[in-house]
Every structure is written in structure tokens, then in C-alpha cells.
PDB file of N, CA and C in Angstrom:
ATOM      1  N   UNK A   1      -9.848  83.258 -56.611  1.00  0.00           N
ATOM      2  CA  UNK A   1     -10.947  82.743 -57.395  1.00  0.00           C
ATOM      3  C   UNK A   1     -11.149  81.273 -57.032  1.00  0.00           C
ATOM      4  N   UNK A   2     -12.382  80.873 -56.898  1.00  0.00           N
ATOM      5  CA  UNK A   2     -12.658  79.497 -56.496  1.00  0.00           C
ATOM      6  C   UNK A   2     -12.719  78.561 -57.709  1.00  0.00           C
ATOM      7  N   UNK A   3     -12.632  77.265 -57.413  1.00  0.00           N
ATOM      8  CA  UNK A   3     -12.603  76.273 -58.493  1.00  0.00           C
ATOM      9  C   UNK A   3     -13.902  76.276 -59.295  1.00  0.00           C
ATOM     10  N   UNK A   4     -15.038  76.475 -58.646  1.00  0.00           N
ATOM     11  CA  UNK A   4     -16.307  76.457 -59.404  1.00  0.00           C
ATOM     12  C   UNK A   4     -16.408  77.672 -60.315  1.00  0.00           C
ATOM     13  N   UNK A   5     -15.840  78.804 -59.906  1.00  0.00           N
ATOM     14  CA  UNK A   5     -15.833  79.970 -60.788  1.00  0.00           C
ATOM     15  C   UNK A   5     -14.952  79.707 -62.004  1.00  0.00           C
ATOM     16  N   UNK A   6     -13.798  79.090 -61.778  1.00  0.00           N
ATOM     17  CA  UNK A   6     -12.905  78.771 -62.889  1.00  0.00           C
ATOM     18  C   UNK A   6     -13.545  77.784 -63.862  1.00  0.00           C
ATOM     19  N   UNK A   7     -14.257  76.790 -63.325  1.00  0.00           N
ATOM     20  CA  UNK A   7     -14.924  75.798 -64.181  1.00  0.00           C
ATOM     21  C   UNK A   7     -15.930  76.486 -65.089  1.00  0.00           C
ATOM     22  N   UNK A   8     -16.716  77.385 -64.549  1.00  0.00           N
ATOM     23  CA  UNK A   8     -17.719  78.067 -65.359  1.00  0.00           C
ATOM     24  C   UNK A   8     -17.080  79.001 -66.382  1.00  0.00           C
ATOM     25  N   UNK A   9     -15.990  79.663 -66.008  1.00  0.00           N
ATOM     26  CA  UNK A   9     -15.300  80.531 -66.960  1.00  0.00           C
ATOM     27  C   UNK A   9     -14.653  79.729 -68.079  1.00  0.00           C
ATOM     28  N   UNK A  10     -14.020  78.623 -67.734  1.00  0.00           N
ATOM     29  CA  UNK A  10     -13.386  77.772 -68.747  1.00  0.00           C
ATOM     30  C   UNK A  10     -14.446  77.129 -69.639  1.00  0.00           C
ATOM     31  N   UNK A  11     -15.529  76.634 -69.027  1.00  0.00           N
ATOM     32  CA  UNK A  11     -16.618  76.031 -69.809  1.00  0.00           C
ATOM     33  C   UNK A  11     -17.228  77.020 -70.791  1.00  0.00           C
ATOM     34  N   UNK A  12     -17.495  78.233 -70.323  1.00  0.00           N
ATOM     35  CA  UNK A  12     -18.043  79.265 -71.202  1.00  0.00           C
ATOM     36  C   UNK A  12     -17.099  79.621 -72.331  1.00  0.00           C
ATOM     37  N   UNK A  13     -15.811  79.718 -72.015  1.00  0.00           N
ATOM     38  CA  UNK A  13     -14.808  80.022 -73.033  1.00  0.00           C
ATOM     39  C   UNK A  13     -14.735  78.910 -74.069  1.00  0.00           C
ATOM     40  N   UNK A  14     -14.718  77.654 -73.601  1.00  0.00           N
ATOM     41  CA  UNK A  14     -14.677  76.517 -74.524  1.00  0.00           C
ATOM     42  C   UNK A  14     -15.893  76.502 -75.439  1.00  0.00           C
ATOM     43  N   UNK A  15     -17.067  76.769 -74.879  1.00  0.00           N
ATOM     44  CA  UNK A  15     -18.293  76.757 -75.689  1.00  0.00           C
ATOM     45  C   UNK A  15     -18.260  77.872 -76.730  1.00  0.00           C
ATOM     46  N   UNK A  16     -17.928  79.082 -76.314  1.00  0.00           N
ATOM     47  CA  UNK A  16     -17.893  80.196 -77.274  1.00  0.00           C
ATOM     48  C   UNK A  16     -16.838  79.990 -78.353  1.00  0.00           C
ATOM     49  N   UNK A  17     -15.661  79.517 -77.963  1.00  0.00           N
ATOM     50  CA  UNK A  17     -14.596  79.301 -78.936  1.00  0.00           C
ATOM     51  C   UNK A  17     -14.955  78.181 -79.913  1.00  0.00           C
ATOM     52  N   UNK A  18     -15.514  77.070 -79.393  1.00  0.00           N
ATOM     53  CA  UNK A  18     -15.856  75.969 -80.294  1.00  0.00           C
ATOM     54  C   UNK A  18     -17.018  76.341 -81.210  1.00  0.00           C
ATOM     55  N   UNK A  19     -17.943  77.177 -80.736  1.00  0.00           N
ATOM     56  CA  UNK A  19     -19.001  77.662 -81.624  1.00  0.00           C
ATOM     57  C   UNK A  19     -18.423  78.546 -82.720  1.00  0.00           C
ATOM     58  N   UNK A  20     -17.484  79.430 -82.341  1.00  0.00           N
ATOM     59  CA  UNK A  20     -16.859  80.305 -83.340  1.00  0.00           C
ATOM     60  C   UNK A  20     -16.102  79.486 -84.384  1.00  0.00           C
ATOM     61  N   UNK A  21     -15.491  78.386 -83.959  1.00  0.00           N
ATOM     62  CA  UNK A  21     -14.753  77.539 -84.897  1.00  0.00           C
ATOM     63  C   UNK A  21     -15.659  76.601 -85.690  1.00  0.00           C
ATOM     64  N   UNK A  22     -16.881  76.343 -85.201  1.00  0.00           N
ATOM     65  CA  UNK A  22     -17.731  75.340 -85.827  1.00  0.00           C
ATOM     66  C   UNK A  22     -18.907  75.851 -86.626  1.00  0.00           C
ATOM     67  N   UNK A  23     -19.236  77.134 -86.500  1.00  0.00           N
ATOM     68  CA  UNK A  23     -20.382  77.684 -87.216  1.00  0.00           C
ATOM     69  C   UNK A  23     -19.890  78.322 -88.512  1.00  0.00           C
ATOM     70  N   UNK A  24     -20.499  77.939 -89.625  1.00  0.00           N
ATOM     71  CA  UNK A  24     -19.999  78.358 -90.936  1.00  0.00           C
ATOM     72  C   UNK A  24     -20.001  79.861 -91.155  1.00  0.00           C
ATOM     73  N   UNK A  25     -20.880  80.603 -90.496  1.00  0.00           N
ATOM     74  CA  UNK A  25     -20.935  82.042 -90.692  1.00  0.00           C
ATOM     75  C   UNK A  25     -19.868  82.807 -89.924  1.00  0.00           C
ATOM     76  N   UNK A  26     -19.099  82.119 -89.101  1.00  0.00           N
ATOM     77  CA  UNK A  26     -18.082  82.762 -88.264  1.00  0.00           C
ATOM     78  C   UNK A  26     -16.850  83.131 -89.094  1.00  0.00           C
ATOM     79  N   UNK A  27     -16.231  84.271 -88.771  1.00  0.00           N
ATOM     80  CA  UNK A  27     -15.017  84.652 -89.500  1.00  0.00           C
ATOM     81  C   UNK A  27     -13.824  83.735 -89.212  1.00  0.00           C
ATOM     82  N   UNK A  28     -13.876  82.960 -88.131  1.00  0.00           N
ATOM     83  CA  UNK A  28     -12.773  82.035 -87.840  1.00  0.00           C
ATOM     84  C   UNK A  28     -13.202  80.571 -87.997  1.00  0.00           C
ATOM     85  N   UNK A  29     -14.216  80.350 -88.836  1.00  0.00           N
ATOM     86  CA  UNK A  29     -14.720  78.985 -89.074  1.00  0.00           C
ATOM     87  C   UNK A  29     -13.580  78.077 -89.506  1.00  0.00           C
ATOM     88  N   UNK A  30     -13.550  76.889 -88.915  1.00  0.00           N
ATOM     89  CA  UNK A  30     -12.549  75.886 -89.281  1.00  0.00           C
ATOM     90  C   UNK A  30     -13.209  74.612 -89.792  1.00  0.00           C
ATOM     91  N   UNK A  31     -14.094  74.026 -88.952  1.00  0.00           N
ATOM     92  CA  UNK A  31     -14.772  72.797 -89.324  1.00  0.00           C
ATOM     93  C   UNK A  31     -16.015  72.645 -88.461  1.00  0.00           C
ATOM     94  N   UNK A  32     -17.068  72.097 -89.036  1.00  0.00           N
ATOM     95  CA  UNK A  32     -18.293  71.894 -88.255  1.00  0.00           C
ATOM     96  C   UNK A  32     -18.112  70.811 -87.191  1.00  0.00           C
ATOM     97  N   UNK A  33     -17.031  70.065 -87.257  1.00  0.00           N
ATOM     98  CA  UNK A  33     -16.751  69.046 -86.245  1.00  0.00           C
ATOM     99  C   UNK A  33     -16.498  69.660 -84.867  1.00  0.00           C
ATOM    100  N   UNK A  34     -16.168  70.947 -84.801  1.00  0.00           N
ATOM    101  CA  UNK A  34     -15.989  71.619 -83.507  1.00  0.00           C
ATOM    102  C   UNK A  34     -17.280  71.630 -82.707  1.00  0.00           C
ATOM    103  N   UNK A  35     -18.417  71.476 -83.357  1.00  0.00           N
ATOM    104  CA  UNK A  35     -19.694  71.456 -82.646  1.00  0.00           C
ATOM    105  C   UNK A  35     -19.814  70.223 -81.749  1.00  0.00           C
ATOM    106  N   UNK A  36     -19.081  69.155 -82.059  1.00  0.00           N
ATOM    107  CA  UNK A  36     -19.044  67.988 -81.171  1.00  0.00           C
ATOM    108  C   UNK A  36     -18.389  68.360 -79.847  1.00  0.00           C
ATOM    109  N   UNK A  37     -17.366  69.186 -79.900  1.00  0.00           N
ATOM    110  CA  UNK A  37     -16.711  69.644 -78.670  1.00  0.00           C
ATOM    111  C   UNK A  37     -17.667  70.507 -77.850  1.00  0.00           C
ATOM    112  N   UNK A  38     -18.450  71.353 -78.522  1.00  0.00           N
ATOM    113  CA  UNK A  38     -19.464  72.158 -77.839  1.00  0.00           C
ATOM    114  C   UNK A  38     -20.437  71.255 -77.096  1.00  0.00           C
ATOM    115  N   UNK A  39     -20.906  70.209 -77.765  1.00  0.00           N
ATOM    116  CA  UNK A  39     -21.834  69.265 -77.141  1.00  0.00           C
ATOM    117  C   UNK A  39     -21.176  68.540 -75.969  1.00  0.00           C
ATOM    118  N   UNK A  40     -19.916  68.169 -76.108  1.00  0.00           N
ATOM    119  CA  UNK A  40     -19.183  67.486 -75.041  1.00  0.00           C
ATOM    120  C   UNK A  40     -19.110  68.353 -73.786  1.00  0.00           C
ATOM    121  N   UNK A  41     -18.774  69.614 -73.950  1.00  0.00           N
ATOM    122  CA  UNK A  41     -18.696  70.527 -72.805  1.00  0.00           C
ATOM    123  C   UNK A  41     -20.070  70.693 -72.171  1.00  0.00           C
ATOM    124  N   UNK A  42     -21.093  70.882 -72.991  1.00  0.00           N
ATOM    125  CA  UNK A  42     -22.450  71.047 -72.470  1.00  0.00           C
ATOM    126  C   UNK A  42     -22.938  69.829 -71.700  1.00  0.00           C
ATOM    127  N   UNK A  43     -22.671  68.643 -72.228  1.00  0.00           N
ATOM    128  CA  UNK A  43     -23.078  67.412 -71.546  1.00  0.00           C
ATOM    129  C   UNK A  43     -22.335  67.259 -70.221  1.00  0.00           C
ATOM    130  N   UNK A  44     -21.056  67.614 -70.192  1.00  0.00           N
ATOM    131  CA  UNK A  44     -20.306  67.526 -68.938  1.00  0.00           C
ATOM    132  C   UNK A  44     -20.818  68.518 -67.903  1.00  0.00           C
ATOM    133  N   UNK A  45     -21.199  69.715 -68.328  1.00  0.00           N
ATOM    134  CA  UNK A  45     -21.774  70.678 -67.390  1.00  0.00           C
ATOM    135  C   UNK A  45     -23.115  70.172 -66.856  1.00  0.00           C
ATOM    136  N   UNK A  46     -23.920  69.590 -67.729  1.00  0.00           N
ATOM    137  CA  UNK A  46     -25.201  69.027 -67.309  1.00  0.00           C
ATOM    138  C   UNK A  46     -24.987  67.865 -66.334  1.00  0.00           C
ATOM    139  N   UNK A  47     -24.068  66.977 -66.657  1.00  0.00           N
ATOM    140  CA  UNK A  47     -23.759  65.837 -65.792  1.00  0.00           C
ATOM    141  C   UNK A  47     -23.279  66.306 -64.423  1.00  0.00           C
ATOM    142  N   UNK A  48     -22.457  67.348 -64.378  1.00  0.00           N
ATOM    143  CA  UNK A  48     -21.951  67.827 -63.088  1.00  0.00           C
ATOM    144  C   UNK A  48     -23.067  68.419 -62.234  1.00  0.00           C
ATOM    145  N   UNK A  49     -24.102  68.915 -62.864  1.00  0.00           N
ATOM    146  CA  UNK A  49     -25.246  69.420 -62.114  1.00  0.00           C
ATOM    147  C   UNK A  49     -26.013  68.316 -61.406  1.00  0.00           C
ATOM    148  N   UNK A  50     -26.048  67.130 -62.012  1.00  0.00           N
ATOM    149  CA  UNK A  50     -26.748  66.002 -61.408  1.00  0.00           C
ATOM    150  C   UNK A  50     -25.887  65.255 -60.388  1.00  0.00           C
ATOM    151  N   UNK A  51     -24.608  65.085 -60.704  1.00  0.00           N
ATOM    152  CA  UNK A  51     -23.753  64.246 -59.859  1.00  0.00           C
ATOM    153  C   UNK A  51     -22.949  65.043 -58.836  1.00  0.00           C
ATOM    154  N   UNK A  52     -22.889  66.367 -59.005  1.00  0.00           N
ATOM    155  CA  UNK A  52     -22.087  67.241 -58.146  1.00  0.00           C
ATOM    156  C   UNK A  52     -20.596  66.889 -58.214  1.00  0.00           C
ATOM    157  N   UNK A  53     -20.155  66.342 -59.347  1.00  0.00           N
ATOM    158  CA  UNK A  53     -18.745  66.056 -59.585  1.00  0.00           C
ATOM    159  C   UNK A  53     -18.382  66.541 -60.975  1.00  0.00           C
ATOM    160  N   UNK A  54     -17.262  67.234 -61.061  1.00  0.00           N
ATOM    161  CA  UNK A  54     -16.810  67.770 -62.347  1.00  0.00           C
ATOM    162  C   UNK A  54     -15.310  67.543 -62.462  1.00  0.00           C
ATOM    163  N   UNK A  55     -14.887  66.909 -63.536  1.00  0.00           N
ATOM    164  CA  UNK A  55     -13.471  66.628 -63.750  1.00  0.00           C
ATOM    165  C   UNK A  55     -12.650  67.908 -63.795  1.00  0.00           C
ATOM    166  N   UNK A  56     -13.149  68.936 -64.475  1.00  0.00           N
ATOM    167  CA  UNK A  56     -12.402  70.188 -64.579  1.00  0.00           C
ATOM    168  C   UNK A  56     -12.203  70.819 -63.201  1.00  0.00           C
ATOM    169  N   UNK A  57     -13.197  70.722 -62.332  1.00  0.00           N
ATOM    170  CA  UNK A  57     -13.065  71.268 -60.986  1.00  0.00           C
ATOM    171  C   UNK A  57     -12.004  70.488 -60.202  1.00  0.00           C
ATOM    172  N   UNK A  58     -11.965  69.191 -60.368  1.00  0.00           N
ATOM    173  CA  UNK A  58     -10.932  68.374 -59.730  1.00  0.00           C
ATOM    174  C   UNK A  58      -9.543  68.798 -60.209  1.00  0.00           C
ATOM    175  N   UNK A  59      -9.415  69.022 -61.502  1.00  0.00           N
ATOM    176  CA  UNK A  59      -8.141  69.456 -62.072  1.00  0.00           C
ATOM    177  C   UNK A  59      -7.756  70.825 -61.523  1.00  0.00           C
ATOM    178  N   UNK A  60      -8.708  71.748 -61.466  1.00  0.00           N
ATOM    179  CA  UNK A  60      -8.420  73.087 -60.953  1.00  0.00           C
ATOM    180  C   UNK A  60      -7.972  73.056 -59.486  1.00  0.00           C
ATOM    181  N   UNK A  61      -8.591  72.192 -58.694  1.00  0.00           N
ATOM    182  CA  UNK A  61      -8.196  72.069 -57.288  1.00  0.00           C
ATOM    183  C   UNK A  61      -6.781  71.538 -57.169  1.00  0.00           C
ATOM    184  N   UNK A  62      -6.420  70.559 -58.006  1.00  0.00           N
ATOM    185  CA  UNK A  62      -5.063  70.012 -57.969  1.00  0.00           C
ATOM    186  C   UNK A  62      -4.034  71.036 -58.434  1.00  0.00           C
ATOM    187  N   UNK A  63      -4.472  71.988 -59.236  1.00  0.00           N
ATOM    188  CA  UNK A  63      -3.577  73.059 -59.688  1.00  0.00           C
ATOM    189  C   UNK A  63      -3.509  74.216 -58.694  1.00  0.00           C
ATOM    190  N   UNK A  64      -4.266  74.103 -57.585  1.00  0.00           N
ATOM    191  CA  UNK A  64      -4.144  75.089 -56.532  1.00  0.00           C
ATOM    192  C   UNK A  64      -5.316  76.026 -56.341  1.00  0.00           C
ATOM    193  N   UNK A  65      -6.393  75.869 -57.082  1.00  0.00           N
ATOM    194  CA  UNK A  65      -7.556  76.746 -56.907  1.00  0.00           C
ATOM    195  C   UNK A  65      -8.260  76.395 -55.597  1.00  0.00           C
ATOM    196  N   UNK A  66      -8.825  77.406 -54.955  1.00  0.00           N
ATOM    197  CA  UNK A  66      -9.584  77.176 -53.725  1.00  0.00           C
ATOM    198  C   UNK A  66     -10.870  76.424 -54.048  1.00  0.00           C
ATOM    199  N   UNK A  67     -11.289  75.575 -53.115  1.00  0.00           N
ATOM    200  CA  UNK A  67     -12.569  74.882 -53.276  1.00  0.00           C
ATOM    201  C   UNK A  67     -13.700  75.883 -53.110  1.00  0.00           C
ATOM    202  N   UNK A  68     -14.717  75.774 -53.955  1.00  0.00           N
ATOM    203  CA  UNK A  68     -15.862  76.677 -53.884  1.00  0.00           C
ATOM    204  C   UNK A  68     -16.968  76.107 -53.030  1.00  0.00           C
ATOM    205  N   UNK A  69     -17.970  76.934 -52.758  1.00  0.00           N
ATOM    206  CA  UNK A  69     -19.130  76.473 -51.964  1.00  0.00           C
ATOM    207  C   UNK A  69     -20.129  75.793 -52.845  1.00  0.00           C
TER     208      UNK A  69
END
């Protein structure tokens, strides 16, 4: 699996989990403050689209993931 695939899978997981923890109608609701984490992940994904640099991808490469195209 390539680093860009891992970044998208981790980003999607973080967004879904933080939404589940931050939305009051969720059965695992904890606090609406989790929505800040959702926004943080979304902004980082948007930023990586403009700059072509993503911290999570750098971390994944250092952990041994193959570089993606």
C-alpha cells in the first residue's frame, strides 16, 4: 500500500470517528469539541492539495510505506 493511500484511509477514519464523537445524535457522542479535530483534518487535506505536502504522508514514509504517485 502506498503512502498516499494510507493518508486518505487515515484521514477518512479520523473524520468519521471525530464526527461520531462530536455529533450529539451519535450513540458514541462524547463532546462537540471533537468537531474541531474534524475541521483540523479537513483543513490539512485541503492544504496538502495546494502545497503537495502532507505531514501524515511524511510520517507514513518514515514508517516504511512506499511513496505513491
